[in-house]
Amino acid sequence: MLNRQQIKEYRQLRGLTTRDVAAYCEISQPLIVQVENGTKDVTKYNHDEILKGINAAFAAKKMGTYVKPSNVNLPKTATETGETTKPVKKTTKRKTKENE
């Protein structure tokens, strides 16, 4: 099993970004960055998925079937998940002539 630094070097040697890798695996781009930077542990699952993504993206580039990802495996916004947001209530008092 490769360590975090070896995973990063393996990806960089193939000329891939973390977004490229995320497009070809089941791990999000932010998680790939966290694993490579050491803020998240390299689990067997993360390791296998990231290497799968690196190998698949690299093979797609070599075969000419690679398509640059736009927003692949990025965290979804509230709009995309259907969540509603409530307007924030103003807590400051407006200045009027009476309370100056």
PDB file of N, CA and C in Angstrom:
ATOM      1  N   MET A   1       0.844  -1.179   0.000  1.00  0.00           N
ATOM      2  CA  MET A   1       0.000   0.000   0.000  1.00  0.00           C
ATOM      3  C   MET A   1       0.892   1.246   0.000  1.00  0.00           C
ATOM      4  N   LEU A   2       0.543   2.212  -0.836  1.00  0.00           N
ATOM      5  CA  LEU A   2       1.310   3.452  -0.927  1.00  0.00           C
ATOM      6  C   LEU A   2       0.922   4.388   0.216  1.00  0.00           C
ATOM      7  N   ASN A   3       1.881   5.192   0.683  1.00  0.00           N
ATOM      8  CA  ASN A   3       1.549   6.202   1.688  1.00  0.00           C
ATOM      9  C   ASN A   3       1.033   7.454   0.978  1.00  0.00           C
ATOM     10  N   ARG A   4       0.623   8.448   1.747  1.00  0.00           N
ATOM     11  CA  ARG A   4       0.002   9.648   1.169  1.00  0.00           C
ATOM     12  C   ARG A   4       0.916  10.376   0.188  1.00  0.00           C
ATOM     13  N   GLN A   5       2.199  10.483   0.530  1.00  0.00           N
ATOM     14  CA  GLN A   5       3.146  11.169  -0.347  1.00  0.00           C
ATOM     15  C   GLN A   5       3.346  10.400  -1.649  1.00  0.00           C
ATOM     16  N   GLN A   6       3.423   9.081  -1.562  1.00  0.00           N
ATOM     17  CA  GLN A   6       3.585   8.255  -2.757  1.00  0.00           C
ATOM     18  C   GLN A   6       2.352   8.337  -3.657  1.00  0.00           C
ATOM     19  N   ILE A   7       1.171   8.405  -3.043  1.00  0.00           N
ATOM     20  CA  ILE A   7      -0.060   8.547  -3.832  1.00  0.00           C
ATOM     21  C   ILE A   7      -0.026   9.863  -4.614  1.00  0.00           C
ATOM     22  N   LYS A   8       0.361  10.940  -3.935  1.00  0.00           N
ATOM     23  CA  LYS A   8       0.429  12.259  -4.573  1.00  0.00           C
ATOM     24  C   LYS A   8       1.448  12.255  -5.712  1.00  0.00           C
ATOM     25  N   GLU A   9       2.619  11.689  -5.466  1.00  0.00           N
ATOM     26  CA  GLU A   9       3.650  11.620  -6.505  1.00  0.00           C
ATOM     27  C   GLU A   9       3.192  10.768  -7.692  1.00  0.00           C
ATOM     28  N   TYR A  10       2.524   9.657  -7.407  1.00  0.00           N
ATOM     29  CA  TYR A  10       2.004   8.765  -8.443  1.00  0.00           C
ATOM     30  C   TYR A  10       1.020   9.528  -9.341  1.00  0.00           C
ATOM     31  N   ARG A  11       0.131  10.329  -8.722  1.00  0.00           N
ATOM     32  CA  ARG A  11      -0.838  11.133  -9.473  1.00  0.00           C
ATOM     33  C   ARG A  11      -0.131  12.206 -10.298  1.00  0.00           C
ATOM     34  N   GLN A  12       0.804  12.919  -9.675  1.00  0.00           N
ATOM     35  CA  GLN A  12       1.496  14.014 -10.355  1.00  0.00           C
ATOM     36  C   GLN A  12       2.363  13.521 -11.509  1.00  0.00           C
ATOM     37  N   LEU A  13       2.989  12.365 -11.342  1.00  0.00           N
ATOM     38  CA  LEU A  13       3.817  11.807 -12.426  1.00  0.00           C
ATOM     39  C   LEU A  13       2.991  11.508 -13.673  1.00  0.00           C
ATOM     40  N   ARG A  14       1.711  11.273 -13.488  1.00  0.00           N
ATOM     41  CA  ARG A  14       0.829  10.991 -14.608  1.00  0.00           C
ATOM     42  C   ARG A  14       0.146  12.247 -15.148  1.00  0.00           C
ATOM     43  N   GLY A  15       0.492  13.385 -14.578  1.00  0.00           N
ATOM     44  CA  GLY A  15      -0.036  14.662 -15.060  1.00  0.00           C
ATOM     45  C   GLY A  15      -1.510  14.870 -14.760  1.00  0.00           C
ATOM     46  N   LEU A  16      -1.974  14.335 -13.636  1.00  0.00           N
ATOM     47  CA  LEU A  16      -3.389  14.421 -13.283  1.00  0.00           C
ATOM     48  C   LEU A  16      -3.620  15.357 -12.107  1.00  0.00           C
ATOM     49  N   THR A  17      -4.770  16.000 -12.115  1.00  0.00           N
ATOM     50  CA  THR A  17      -5.183  16.806 -10.973  1.00  0.00           C
ATOM     51  C   THR A  17      -6.064  15.949 -10.067  1.00  0.00           C
ATOM     52  N   THR A  18      -6.336  16.452  -8.882  1.00  0.00           N
ATOM     53  CA  THR A  18      -7.221  15.711  -7.978  1.00  0.00           C
ATOM     54  C   THR A  18      -8.638  15.655  -8.553  1.00  0.00           C
ATOM     55  N   ARG A  19      -9.027  16.664  -9.317  1.00  0.00           N
ATOM     56  CA  ARG A  19     -10.347  16.636  -9.984  1.00  0.00           C
ATOM     57  C   ARG A  19     -10.397  15.550 -11.044  1.00  0.00           C
ATOM     58  N   ASP A  20      -9.301  15.372 -11.766  1.00  0.00           N
ATOM     59  CA  ASP A  20      -9.242  14.309 -12.768  1.00  0.00           C
ATOM     60  C   ASP A  20      -9.468  12.956 -12.107  1.00  0.00           C
ATOM     61  N   VAL A  21      -8.785  12.740 -11.009  1.00  0.00           N
ATOM     62  CA  VAL A  21      -8.877  11.464 -10.289  1.00  0.00           C
ATOM     63  C   VAL A  21     -10.288  11.255  -9.753  1.00  0.00           C
ATOM     64  N   ALA A  22     -10.872  12.297  -9.165  1.00  0.00           N
ATOM     65  CA  ALA A  22     -12.218  12.194  -8.589  1.00  0.00           C
ATOM     66  C   ALA A  22     -13.255  11.824  -9.643  1.00  0.00           C
ATOM     67  N   ALA A  23     -13.020  12.221 -10.882  1.00  0.00           N
ATOM     68  CA  ALA A  23     -13.966  11.907 -11.960  1.00  0.00           C
ATOM     69  C   ALA A  23     -14.004  10.411 -12.260  1.00  0.00           C
ATOM     70  N   TYR A  24     -12.972   9.685 -11.865  1.00  0.00           N
ATOM     71  CA  TYR A  24     -12.870   8.264 -12.198  1.00  0.00           C
ATOM     72  C   TYR A  24     -12.887   7.357 -10.966  1.00  0.00           C
ATOM     73  N   CYS A  25     -13.316   7.883  -9.828  1.00  0.00           N
ATOM     74  CA  CYS A  25     -13.428   7.037  -8.632  1.00  0.00           C
ATOM     75  C   CYS A  25     -14.602   7.494  -7.780  1.00  0.00           C
ATOM     76  N   GLU A  26     -14.836   6.797  -6.702  1.00  0.00           N
ATOM     77  CA  GLU A  26     -15.970   7.083  -5.816  1.00  0.00           C
ATOM     78  C   GLU A  26     -15.583   7.944  -4.620  1.00  0.00           C
ATOM     79  N   ILE A  27     -14.468   8.658  -4.725  1.00  0.00           N
ATOM     80  CA  ILE A  27     -13.986   9.531  -3.656  1.00  0.00           C
ATOM     81  C   ILE A  27     -14.087  10.974  -4.158  1.00  0.00           C
ATOM     82  N   SER A  28     -14.519  11.883  -3.298  1.00  0.00           N
ATOM     83  CA  SER A  28     -14.637  13.280  -3.705  1.00  0.00           C
ATOM     84  C   SER A  28     -13.264  13.939  -3.817  1.00  0.00           C
ATOM     85  N   GLN A  29     -13.214  14.982  -4.599  1.00  0.00           N
ATOM     86  CA  GLN A  29     -11.962  15.721  -4.791  1.00  0.00           C
ATOM     87  C   GLN A  29     -11.431  16.295  -3.480  1.00  0.00           C
ATOM     88  N   PRO A  30     -12.294  16.893  -2.629  1.00  0.00           N
ATOM     89  CA  PRO A  30     -11.761  17.404  -1.352  1.00  0.00           C
ATOM     90  C   PRO A  30     -11.163  16.299  -0.473  1.00  0.00           C
ATOM     91  N   LEU A  31     -11.754  15.110  -0.490  1.00  0.00           N
ATOM     92  CA  LEU A  31     -11.219  14.013   0.314  1.00  0.00           C
ATOM     93  C   LEU A  31      -9.864  13.552  -0.232  1.00  0.00           C
ATOM     94  N   ILE A  32      -9.708  13.540  -1.539  1.00  0.00           N
ATOM     95  CA  ILE A  32      -8.416  13.171  -2.139  1.00  0.00           C
ATOM     96  C   ILE A  32      -7.329  14.139  -1.664  1.00  0.00           C
ATOM     97  N   VAL A  33      -7.640  15.427  -1.668  1.00  0.00           N
ATOM     98  CA  VAL A  33      -6.687  16.447  -1.203  1.00  0.00           C
ATOM     99  C   VAL A  33      -6.350  16.220   0.271  1.00  0.00           C
ATOM    100  N   GLN A  34      -7.368  15.933   1.084  1.00  0.00           N
ATOM    101  CA  GLN A  34      -7.140  15.719   2.512  1.00  0.00           C
ATOM    102  C   GLN A  34      -6.269  14.488   2.760  1.00  0.00           C
ATOM    103  N   VAL A  35      -6.473  13.438   1.994  1.00  0.00           N
ATOM    104  CA  VAL A  35      -5.648  12.232   2.129  1.00  0.00           C
ATOM    105  C   VAL A  35      -4.208  12.544   1.738  1.00  0.00           C
ATOM    106  N   GLU A  36      -4.036  13.235   0.615  1.00  0.00           N
ATOM    107  CA  GLU A  36      -2.680  13.562   0.155  1.00  0.00           C
ATOM    108  C   GLU A  36      -1.952  14.502   1.110  1.00  0.00           C
ATOM    109  N   ASN A  37      -2.686  15.389   1.753  1.00  0.00           N
ATOM    110  CA  ASN A  37      -2.065  16.352   2.674  1.00  0.00           C
ATOM    111  C   ASN A  37      -1.915  15.817   4.090  1.00  0.00           C
ATOM    112  N   GLY A  38      -2.495  14.661   4.359  1.00  0.00           N
ATOM    113  CA  GLY A  38      -2.349  14.045   5.672  1.00  0.00           C
ATOM    114  C   GLY A  38      -3.387  14.434   6.699  1.00  0.00           C
ATOM    115  N   THR A  39      -4.396  15.211   6.318  1.00  0.00           N
ATOM    116  CA  THR A  39      -5.434  15.569   7.284  1.00  0.00           C
ATOM    117  C   THR A  39      -6.452  14.440   7.452  1.00  0.00           C
ATOM    118  N   LYS A  40      -6.510  13.536   6.509  1.00  0.00           N
ATOM    119  CA  LYS A  40      -7.330  12.316   6.614  1.00  0.00           C
ATOM    120  C   LYS A  40      -6.408  11.123   6.424  1.00  0.00           C
ATOM    121  N   ASP A  41      -6.707  10.042   7.130  1.00  0.00           N
ATOM    122  CA  ASP A  41      -5.888   8.837   7.029  1.00  0.00           C
ATOM    123  C   ASP A  41      -6.078   8.140   5.684  1.00  0.00           C
ATOM    124  N   VAL A  42      -5.025   7.433   5.274  1.00  0.00           N
ATOM    125  CA  VAL A  42      -5.100   6.609   4.073  1.00  0.00           C
ATOM    126  C   VAL A  42      -5.681   5.260   4.507  1.00  0.00           C
ATOM    127  N   THR A  43      -6.977   5.088   4.287  1.00  0.00           N
ATOM    128  CA  THR A  43      -7.592   3.798   4.591  1.00  0.00           C
ATOM    129  C   THR A  43      -7.439   2.894   3.370  1.00  0.00           C
ATOM    130  N   LYS A  44      -7.692   1.618   3.539  1.00  0.00           N
ATOM    131  CA  LYS A  44      -7.610   0.688   2.411  1.00  0.00           C
ATOM    132  C   LYS A  44      -8.578   1.115   1.312  1.00  0.00           C
ATOM    133  N   TYR A  45      -9.802   1.490   1.711  1.00  0.00           N
ATOM    134  CA  TYR A  45     -10.809   1.903   0.730  1.00  0.00           C
ATOM    135  C   TYR A  45     -10.359   3.158  -0.023  1.00  0.00           C
ATOM    136  N   ASN A  46      -9.926   4.209   0.730  1.00  0.00           N
ATOM    137  CA  ASN A  46      -9.462   5.447   0.090  1.00  0.00           C
ATOM    138  C   ASN A  46      -8.299   5.159  -0.849  1.00  0.00           C
ATOM    139  N   HIS A  47      -7.355   4.390  -0.384  1.00  0.00           N
ATOM    140  CA  HIS A  47      -6.179   4.032  -1.174  1.00  0.00           C
ATOM    141  C   HIS A  47      -6.592   3.362  -2.482  1.00  0.00           C
ATOM    142  N   ASP A  48      -7.427   2.331  -2.386  1.00  0.00           N
ATOM    143  CA  ASP A  48      -7.832   1.585  -3.579  1.00  0.00           C
ATOM    144  C   ASP A  48      -8.641   2.439  -4.549  1.00  0.00           C
ATOM    145  N   GLU A  49      -9.539   3.263  -4.019  1.00  0.00           N
ATOM    146  CA  GLU A  49     -10.353   4.126  -4.882  1.00  0.00           C
ATOM    147  C   GLU A  49      -9.502   5.186  -5.581  1.00  0.00           C
ATOM    148  N   ILE A  50      -8.590   5.810  -4.855  1.00  0.00           N
ATOM    149  CA  ILE A  50      -7.742   6.850  -5.450  1.00  0.00           C
ATOM    150  C   ILE A  50      -6.855   6.245  -6.538  1.00  0.00           C
ATOM    151  N   LEU A  51      -6.255   5.087  -6.263  1.00  0.00           N
ATOM    152  CA  LEU A  51      -5.416   4.453  -7.283  1.00  0.00           C
ATOM    153  C   LEU A  51      -6.247   4.021  -8.491  1.00  0.00           C
ATOM    154  N   LYS A  52      -7.467   3.548  -8.238  1.00  0.00           N
ATOM    155  CA  LYS A  52      -8.364   3.189  -9.340  1.00  0.00           C
ATOM    156  C   LYS A  52      -8.629   4.427 -10.200  1.00  0.00           C
ATOM    157  N   GLY A  53      -8.890   5.570  -9.555  1.00  0.00           N
ATOM    158  CA  GLY A  53      -9.147   6.817 -10.271  1.00  0.00           C
ATOM    159  C   GLY A  53      -7.934   7.295 -11.059  1.00  0.00           C
ATOM    160  N   ILE A  54      -6.761   7.189 -10.457  1.00  0.00           N
ATOM    161  CA  ILE A  54      -5.528   7.598 -11.150  1.00  0.00           C
ATOM    162  C   ILE A  54      -5.315   6.738 -12.388  1.00  0.00           C
ATOM    163  N   ASN A  55      -5.410   5.430 -12.217  1.00  0.00           N
ATOM    164  CA  ASN A  55      -5.174   4.519 -13.339  1.00  0.00           C
ATOM    165  C   ASN A  55      -6.205   4.695 -14.445  1.00  0.00           C
ATOM    166  N   ALA A  56      -7.482   4.868 -14.076  1.00  0.00           N
ATOM    167  CA  ALA A  56      -8.544   5.021 -15.073  1.00  0.00           C
ATOM    168  C   ALA A  56      -8.416   6.349 -15.818  1.00  0.00           C
ATOM    169  N   ALA A  57      -8.129   7.436 -15.102  1.00  0.00           N
ATOM    170  CA  ALA A  57      -7.983   8.746 -15.744  1.00  0.00           C
ATOM    171  C   ALA A  57      -6.773   8.763 -16.673  1.00  0.00           C
ATOM    172  N   PHE A  58      -5.683   8.153 -16.219  1.00  0.00           N
ATOM    173  CA  PHE A  58      -4.474   8.099 -17.048  1.00  0.00           C
ATOM    174  C   PHE A  58      -4.720   7.274 -18.313  1.00  0.00           C
ATOM    175  N   ALA A  59      -5.403   6.138 -18.163  1.00  0.00           N
ATOM    176  CA  ALA A  59      -5.709   5.287 -19.323  1.00  0.00           C
ATOM    177  C   ALA A  59      -6.625   6.026 -20.303  1.00  0.00           C
ATOM    178  N   ALA A  60      -7.595   6.757 -19.786  1.00  0.00           N
ATOM    179  CA  ALA A  60      -8.502   7.515 -20.647  1.00  0.00           C
ATOM    180  C   ALA A  60      -7.744   8.592 -21.418  1.00  0.00           C
ATOM    181  N   LYS A  61      -6.788   9.241 -20.761  1.00  0.00           N
ATOM    182  CA  LYS A  61      -5.980  10.251 -21.453  1.00  0.00           C
ATOM    183  C   LYS A  61      -5.153   9.615 -22.569  1.00  0.00           C
ATOM    184  N   LYS A  62      -4.570   8.457 -22.282  1.00  0.00           N
ATOM    185  CA  LYS A  62      -3.746   7.775 -23.285  1.00  0.00           C
ATOM    186  C   LYS A  62      -4.578   7.324 -24.481  1.00  0.00           C
ATOM    187  N   MET A  63      -5.815   6.875 -24.231  1.00  0.00           N
ATOM    188  CA  MET A  63      -6.669   6.374 -25.309  1.00  0.00           C
ATOM    189  C   MET A  63      -7.421   7.492 -26.030  1.00  0.00           C
ATOM    190  N   GLY A  64      -7.332   8.707 -25.497  1.00  0.00           N
ATOM    191  CA  GLY A  64      -8.014   9.834 -26.117  1.00  0.00           C
ATOM    192  C   GLY A  64      -9.493   9.912 -25.778  1.00  0.00           C
ATOM    193  N   THR A  65      -9.931   9.214 -24.748  1.00  0.00           N
ATOM    194  CA  THR A  65     -11.341   9.240 -24.360  1.00  0.00           C
ATOM    195  C   THR A  65     -11.588  10.086 -23.119  1.00  0.00           C
ATOM    196  N   TYR A  66     -10.558  10.750 -22.654  1.00  0.00           N
ATOM    197  CA  TYR A  66     -10.659  11.549 -21.439  1.00  0.00           C
ATOM    198  C   TYR A  66     -11.447  12.830 -21.705  1.00  0.00           C
ATOM    199  N   VAL A  67     -12.373  13.133 -20.804  1.00  0.00           N
ATOM    200  CA  VAL A  67     -13.120  14.379 -20.860  1.00  0.00           C
ATOM    201  C   VAL A  67     -12.869  15.116 -19.558  1.00  0.00           C
ATOM    202  N   LYS A  68     -12.404  16.355 -19.650  1.00  0.00           N
ATOM    203  CA  LYS A  68     -12.083  17.147 -18.460  1.00  0.00           C
ATOM    204  C   LYS A  68     -13.340  17.351 -17.621  1.00  0.00           C
ATOM    205  N   PRO A  69     -13.290  16.993 -16.344  1.00  0.00           N
ATOM    206  CA  PRO A  69     -14.471  17.133 -15.476  1.00  0.00           C
ATOM    207  C   PRO A  69     -14.755  18.588 -15.146  1.00  0.00           C
ATOM    208  N   SER A  70     -16.033  18.882 -14.911  1.00  0.00           N
ATOM    209  CA  SER A  70     -16.382  20.240 -14.501  1.00  0.00           C
ATOM    210  C   SER A  70     -16.617  20.281 -12.991  1.00  0.00           C
ATOM    211  N   ASN A  71     -17.648  19.619 -12.514  1.00  0.00           N
ATOM    212  CA  ASN A  71     -17.944  19.613 -11.075  1.00  0.00           C
ATOM    213  C   ASN A  71     -18.151  18.192 -10.591  1.00  0.00           C
ATOM    214  N   VAL A  72     -17.211  17.340 -10.852  1.00  0.00           N
ATOM    215  CA  VAL A  72     -17.342  15.932 -10.520  1.00  0.00           C
ATOM    216  C   VAL A  72     -17.001  15.675  -9.064  1.00  0.00           C
ATOM    217  N   ASN A  73     -17.865  14.957  -8.379  1.00  0.00           N
ATOM    218  CA  ASN A  73     -17.650  14.532  -6.997  1.00  0.00           C
ATOM    219  C   ASN A  73     -17.325  15.668  -6.038  1.00  0.00           C
ATOM    220  N   LEU A  74     -17.845  16.842  -6.308  1.00  0.00           N
ATOM    221  CA  LEU A  74     -17.667  17.950  -5.377  1.00  0.00           C
ATOM    222  C   LEU A  74     -18.854  17.973  -4.430  1.00  0.00           C
ATOM    223  N   PRO A  75     -18.692  18.495  -3.237  1.00  0.00           N
ATOM    224  CA  PRO A  75     -19.820  18.539  -2.311  1.00  0.00           C
ATOM    225  C   PRO A  75     -20.988  19.300  -2.933  1.00  0.00           C
ATOM    226  N   LYS A  76     -22.199  18.795  -2.711  1.00  0.00           N
ATOM    227  CA  LYS A  76     -23.378  19.423  -3.293  1.00  0.00           C
ATOM    228  C   LYS A  76     -23.787  20.643  -2.490  1.00  0.00           C
ATOM    229  N   THR A  77     -24.328  21.619  -3.209  1.00  0.00           N
ATOM    230  CA  THR A  77     -24.820  22.822  -2.555  1.00  0.00           C
ATOM    231  C   THR A  77     -26.225  22.566  -2.041  1.00  0.00           C
ATOM    232  N   ALA A  78     -26.728  23.465  -1.228  1.00  0.00           N
ATOM    233  CA  ALA A  78     -28.075  23.317  -0.680  1.00  0.00           C
ATOM    234  C   ALA A  78     -29.114  23.278  -1.798  1.00  0.00           C
ATOM    235  N   THR A  79     -28.907  24.028  -2.857  1.00  0.00           N
ATOM    236  CA  THR A  79     -29.836  24.040  -3.976  1.00  0.00           C
ATOM    237  C   THR A  79     -29.889  22.679  -4.654  1.00  0.00           C
ATOM    238  N   GLU A  80     -28.748  22.038  -4.845  1.00  0.00           N
ATOM    239  CA  GLU A  80     -28.693  20.733  -5.508  1.00  0.00           C
ATOM    240  C   GLU A  80     -29.300  19.622  -4.669  1.00  0.00           C
ATOM    241  N   THR A  81     -29.221  19.753  -3.339  1.00  0.00           N
ATOM    242  CA  THR A  81     -29.759  18.708  -2.473  1.00  0.00           C
ATOM    243  C   THR A  81     -31.223  18.933  -2.148  1.00  0.00           C
ATOM    244  N   GLY A  82     -31.781  20.079  -2.570  1.00  0.00           N
ATOM    245  CA  GLY A  82     -33.184  20.364  -2.314  1.00  0.00           C
ATOM    246  C   GLY A  82     -33.451  20.990  -0.962  1.00  0.00           C
ATOM    247  N   GLU A  83     -32.405  21.299  -0.239  1.00  0.00           N
ATOM    248  CA  GLU A  83     -32.572  21.925   1.066  1.00  0.00           C
ATOM    249  C   GLU A  83     -32.983  23.377   0.876  1.00  0.00           C
ATOM    250  N   THR A  84     -33.776  23.863   1.793  1.00  0.00           N
ATOM    251  CA  THR A  84     -34.167  25.262   1.729  1.00  0.00           C
ATOM    252  C   THR A  84     -33.420  26.026   2.808  1.00  0.00           C
ATOM    253  N   THR A  85     -33.154  27.242   2.515  1.00  0.00           N
ATOM    254  CA  THR A  85     -32.489  28.084   3.505  1.00  0.00           C
ATOM    255  C   THR A  85     -33.452  29.183   3.911  1.00  0.00           C
ATOM    256  N   LYS A  86     -33.401  29.549   5.169  1.00  0.00           N
ATOM    257  CA  LYS A  86     -34.272  30.598   5.677  1.00  0.00           C
ATOM    258  C   LYS A  86     -33.519  31.916   5.628  1.00  0.00           C
ATOM    259  N   PRO A  87     -34.235  32.992   5.347  1.00  0.00           N
ATOM    260  CA  PRO A  87     -33.559  34.291   5.355  1.00  0.00           C
ATOM    261  C   PRO A  87     -33.074  34.629   6.765  1.00  0.00           C
ATOM    262  N   VAL A  88     -31.952  35.287   6.832  1.00  0.00           N
ATOM    263  CA  VAL A  88     -31.375  35.659   8.116  1.00  0.00           C
ATOM    264  C   VAL A  88     -32.084  36.905   8.622  1.00  0.00           C
ATOM    265  N   LYS A  89     -32.509  36.851   9.896  1.00  0.00           N
ATOM    266  CA  LYS A  89     -33.182  37.994  10.501  1.00  0.00           C
ATOM    267  C   LYS A  89     -32.165  39.054  10.872  1.00  0.00           C
ATOM    268  N   LYS A  90     -32.502  40.279  10.568  1.00  0.00           N
ATOM    269  CA  LYS A  90     -31.638  41.385  10.969  1.00  0.00           C
ATOM    270  C   LYS A  90     -31.832  41.644  12.443  1.00  0.00           C
ATOM    271  N   THR A  91     -30.753  41.825  13.160  1.00  0.00           N
ATOM    272  CA  THR A  91     -30.855  42.056  14.599  1.00  0.00           C
ATOM    273  C   THR A  91     -30.464  43.478  14.993  1.00  0.00           C
ATOM    274  N   THR A  92     -30.030  44.255  14.027  1.00  0.00           N
ATOM    275  CA  THR A  92     -29.636  45.628  14.358  1.00  0.00           C
ATOM    276  C   THR A  92     -30.834  46.549  14.200  1.00  0.00           C
ATOM    277  N   LYS A  93     -30.859  47.564  15.014  1.00  0.00           N
ATOM    278  CA  LYS A  93     -31.946  48.528  14.988  1.00  0.00           C
ATOM    279  C   LYS A  93     -31.637  49.602  13.954  1.00  0.00           C
ATOM    280  N   ARG A  94     -32.654  49.961  13.216  1.00  0.00           N
ATOM    281  CA  ARG A  94     -32.476  51.063  12.271  1.00  0.00           C
ATOM    282  C   ARG A  94     -32.474  52.384  13.017  1.00  0.00           C
ATOM    283  N   LYS A  95     -31.645  53.272  12.500  1.00  0.00           N
ATOM    284  CA  LYS A  95     -31.620  54.601  13.118  1.00  0.00           C
ATOM    285  C   LYS A  95     -32.771  55.422  12.589  1.00  0.00           C
ATOM    286  N   THR A  96     -33.471  56.021  13.477  1.00  0.00           N
ATOM    287  CA  THR A  96     -34.532  56.949  13.101  1.00  0.00           C
ATOM    288  C   THR A  96     -34.286  58.242  13.830  1.00  0.00           C
ATOM    289  N   LYS A  97     -35.046  59.258  13.478  1.00  0.00           N
ATOM    290  CA  LYS A  97     -34.880  60.552  14.139  1.00  0.00           C
ATOM    291  C   LYS A  97     -35.247  60.452  15.610  1.00  0.00           C
ATOM    292  N   GLU A  98     -36.179  59.561  15.940  1.00  0.00           N
ATOM    293  CA  GLU A  98     -36.648  59.435  17.321  1.00  0.00           C
ATOM    294  C   GLU A  98     -35.581  58.812  18.243  1.00  0.00           C
ATOM    295  N   ASN A  99     -34.791  57.824  17.746  1.00  0.00           N
ATOM    296  CA  ASN A  99     -33.853  57.155  18.638  1.00  0.00           C
ATOM    297  C   ASN A  99     -32.393  57.571  18.434  1.00  0.00           C
ATOM    298  N   GLU A 100     -32.174  58.712  17.848  1.00  0.00           N
ATOM    299  CA  GLU A 100     -30.804  59.208  17.674  1.00  0.00           C
ATOM    300  C   GLU A 100     -30.310  59.863  18.914  1.00  0.00           C
TER     301      GLU A 100
END
